[in-house]
Amino acid sequence: MRIGELAERAGTSTRTLRYYESQGLVCPRRSANGYRVYDEAELRVVHEIRALLAVGFGLDDIRPFVACLRAGNSSGDVCPDSVAVLRRKLAEVDDYLDRLGAVRHQLHDQLARAIAHREETCLRTRSRAD
């Protein structure tokens, strides 16, 4: 298939596909007239790239998954290098969650103090009016 068809089937743009190619992630063949020609395997690679980008992976993190697919595996996440990236990303997510939990706790405490202060102020104001 040509680049336009691949872009349409993958739900992306030809510009994006050319970018992936410039990064060494997508490898088209060239026809006699110089057009890029892609096979179904490249469609699978582009789907893998887009899925990983959608969950926050960078292009460098994606490379092992693409290599795994190119090695003939049915999934890009079954090779040791891919598993190592998954473990690292999971550790990063866990770290973010820990930090977000700490921020949430701090905000919860600050809100509780603000509400308590407001209630005290209202009670004092009412008791003075009586």
Protein backbone atom coordinates (compact mmCIF):
# COMPACT_ATOMS: atom_id res chain seq x y z
CA MET A 1 0.00 0.00 0.00
CA ARG A 2 1.12 3.54 -0.52
CA ILE A 3 1.61 6.13 2.21
CA GLY A 4 -1.86 7.67 1.86
CA GLU A 5 -3.58 4.33 2.31
CA LEU A 6 -1.40 3.44 5.28
CA ALA A 7 -2.15 6.80 6.87
CA GLU A 8 -5.87 6.30 6.38
CA ARG A 9 -5.87 2.73 7.69
CA ALA A 10 -3.71 3.67 10.68
CA GLY A 11 -5.71 6.79 11.51
CA THR A 12 -2.79 9.17 11.15
CA SER A 13 -1.30 11.57 8.62
CA THR A 14 1.25 11.03 5.90
CA ARG A 15 3.39 13.67 7.60
CA THR A 16 3.40 11.62 10.80
CA LEU A 17 4.38 8.49 8.87
CA ARG A 18 7.26 10.33 7.25
CA TYR A 19 8.34 11.48 10.72
CA TYR A 20 8.24 7.89 12.01
CA GLU A 21 10.31 6.91 8.98
CA SER A 22 12.87 9.66 9.70
CA GLN A 23 13.12 8.27 13.26
CA GLY A 24 13.75 4.76 11.92
CA LEU A 25 10.50 3.35 13.28
CA VAL A 26 8.74 2.74 9.96
CA CYS A 27 10.59 1.16 7.04
CA PRO A 28 8.88 1.39 3.66
CA ARG A 29 10.18 -0.16 0.50
CA ARG A 30 10.50 2.08 -2.54
CA SER A 31 8.77 1.30 -5.81
CA ALA A 32 10.52 1.76 -9.15
CA ASN A 33 9.10 5.27 -9.40
CA GLY A 34 10.29 6.16 -5.87
CA TYR A 35 6.96 5.93 -4.06
CA ARG A 36 6.95 4.56 -0.55
CA VAL A 37 5.33 1.12 -0.40
CA TYR A 38 4.20 -0.42 2.89
CA ASP A 39 3.04 -3.90 3.76
CA GLU A 40 0.66 -5.11 6.47
CA ALA A 41 3.55 -5.50 8.90
CA GLU A 42 4.17 -1.75 8.76
CA LEU A 43 0.49 -1.14 9.53
CA ARG A 44 0.91 -3.29 12.65
CA VAL A 45 4.03 -1.30 13.58
CA VAL A 46 2.20 2.02 13.18
CA HIS A 47 -0.69 0.77 15.33
CA GLU A 48 1.83 -0.25 18.01
CA ILE A 49 3.56 3.15 17.85
CA ARG A 50 0.28 5.05 18.13
CA ALA A 51 -0.98 2.88 21.01
CA LEU A 52 2.23 3.39 22.98
CA LEU A 53 2.32 7.13 22.29
CA ALA A 54 -1.28 7.36 23.49
CA VAL A 55 -0.31 6.04 26.93
CA GLY A 56 2.68 8.33 27.29
CA PHE A 57 5.64 6.47 25.83
CA GLY A 58 8.28 8.46 23.98
CA LEU A 59 9.71 7.41 20.64
CA ASP A 60 12.91 6.10 22.23
CA ASP A 61 10.83 3.94 24.57
CA ILE A 62 8.91 2.59 21.59
CA ARG A 63 11.95 1.33 19.68
CA PRO A 64 12.21 -2.03 21.51
CA PHE A 65 8.55 -2.76 20.79
CA VAL A 66 9.03 -2.08 17.09
CA ALA A 67 12.16 -4.25 17.04
CA CYS A 68 10.20 -7.01 18.75
CA LEU A 69 7.50 -6.88 16.07
CA ARG A 70 10.12 -6.82 13.32
CA ALA A 71 11.67 -9.96 14.84
CA GLY A 72 8.46 -11.77 13.94
CA ASN A 73 6.66 -11.68 17.25
CA SER A 74 2.90 -11.27 17.27
CA SER A 75 3.15 -8.60 19.95
CA GLY A 76 5.71 -5.91 20.59
CA ASP A 77 5.74 -6.42 24.34
CA VAL A 78 7.03 -9.99 24.58
CA CYS A 79 10.75 -9.35 24.11
CA PRO A 80 13.13 -8.73 27.03
CA ASP A 81 13.92 -5.14 26.01
CA SER A 82 10.22 -4.33 25.76
CA VAL A 83 9.55 -5.89 29.15
CA ALA A 84 12.36 -3.78 30.63
CA VAL A 85 10.74 -0.62 29.24
CA LEU A 86 7.35 -1.68 30.61
CA ARG A 87 8.87 -2.25 34.05
CA ARG A 88 10.58 1.14 33.98
CA LYS A 89 7.42 2.92 32.84
CA LEU A 90 5.37 1.17 35.50
CA ALA A 91 7.87 2.30 38.15
CA GLU A 92 7.55 5.86 36.80
CA VAL A 93 3.76 5.68 36.98
CA ASP A 94 3.93 4.32 40.53
CA ASP A 95 6.23 7.21 41.47
CA TYR A 96 3.80 9.73 39.92
CA LEU A 97 0.92 8.14 41.80
CA ASP A 98 2.83 8.35 45.07
CA ARG A 99 3.56 12.03 44.46
CA LEU A 100 -0.04 12.71 43.45
CA GLY A 101 -1.22 10.92 46.60
CA ALA A 102 0.99 13.20 48.69
CA VAL A 103 -0.35 16.29 46.89
CA ARG A 104 -3.92 15.05 47.38
CA HIS A 105 -3.30 14.52 51.08
CA GLN A 106 -1.81 18.01 51.42
CA LEU A 107 -4.75 19.58 49.57
CA HIS A 108 -7.24 17.63 51.67
CA ASP A 109 -5.58 18.86 54.88
CA GLN A 110 -5.45 22.44 53.62
CA LEU A 111 -9.13 22.32 52.67
CA ALA A 112 -10.07 20.90 56.08
CA ARG A 113 -8.15 23.70 57.82
CA ALA A 114 -9.79 26.32 55.61
CA ILE A 115 -13.28 24.97 56.32
CA ALA A 116 -12.59 24.77 60.07
CA HIS A 117 -11.26 28.34 60.08
CA ARG A 118 -14.30 29.58 58.19
CA GLU A 119 -16.67 27.81 60.56
CA GLU A 120 -14.85 29.27 63.59
CA THR A 121 -15.07 32.73 62.08
CA CYS A 122 -18.80 32.33 61.46
CA LEU A 123 -19.40 31.09 65.02
CA ARG A 124 -17.48 34.03 66.50
CA THR A 125 -19.40 36.47 64.34
CA ARG A 126 -22.72 34.96 65.43
CA SER A 127 -21.81 34.93 69.12
CA ARG A 128 -20.84 38.63 68.97
CA ALA A 129 -24.15 39.48 67.32
CA ASP A 130 -26.07 37.80 70.14
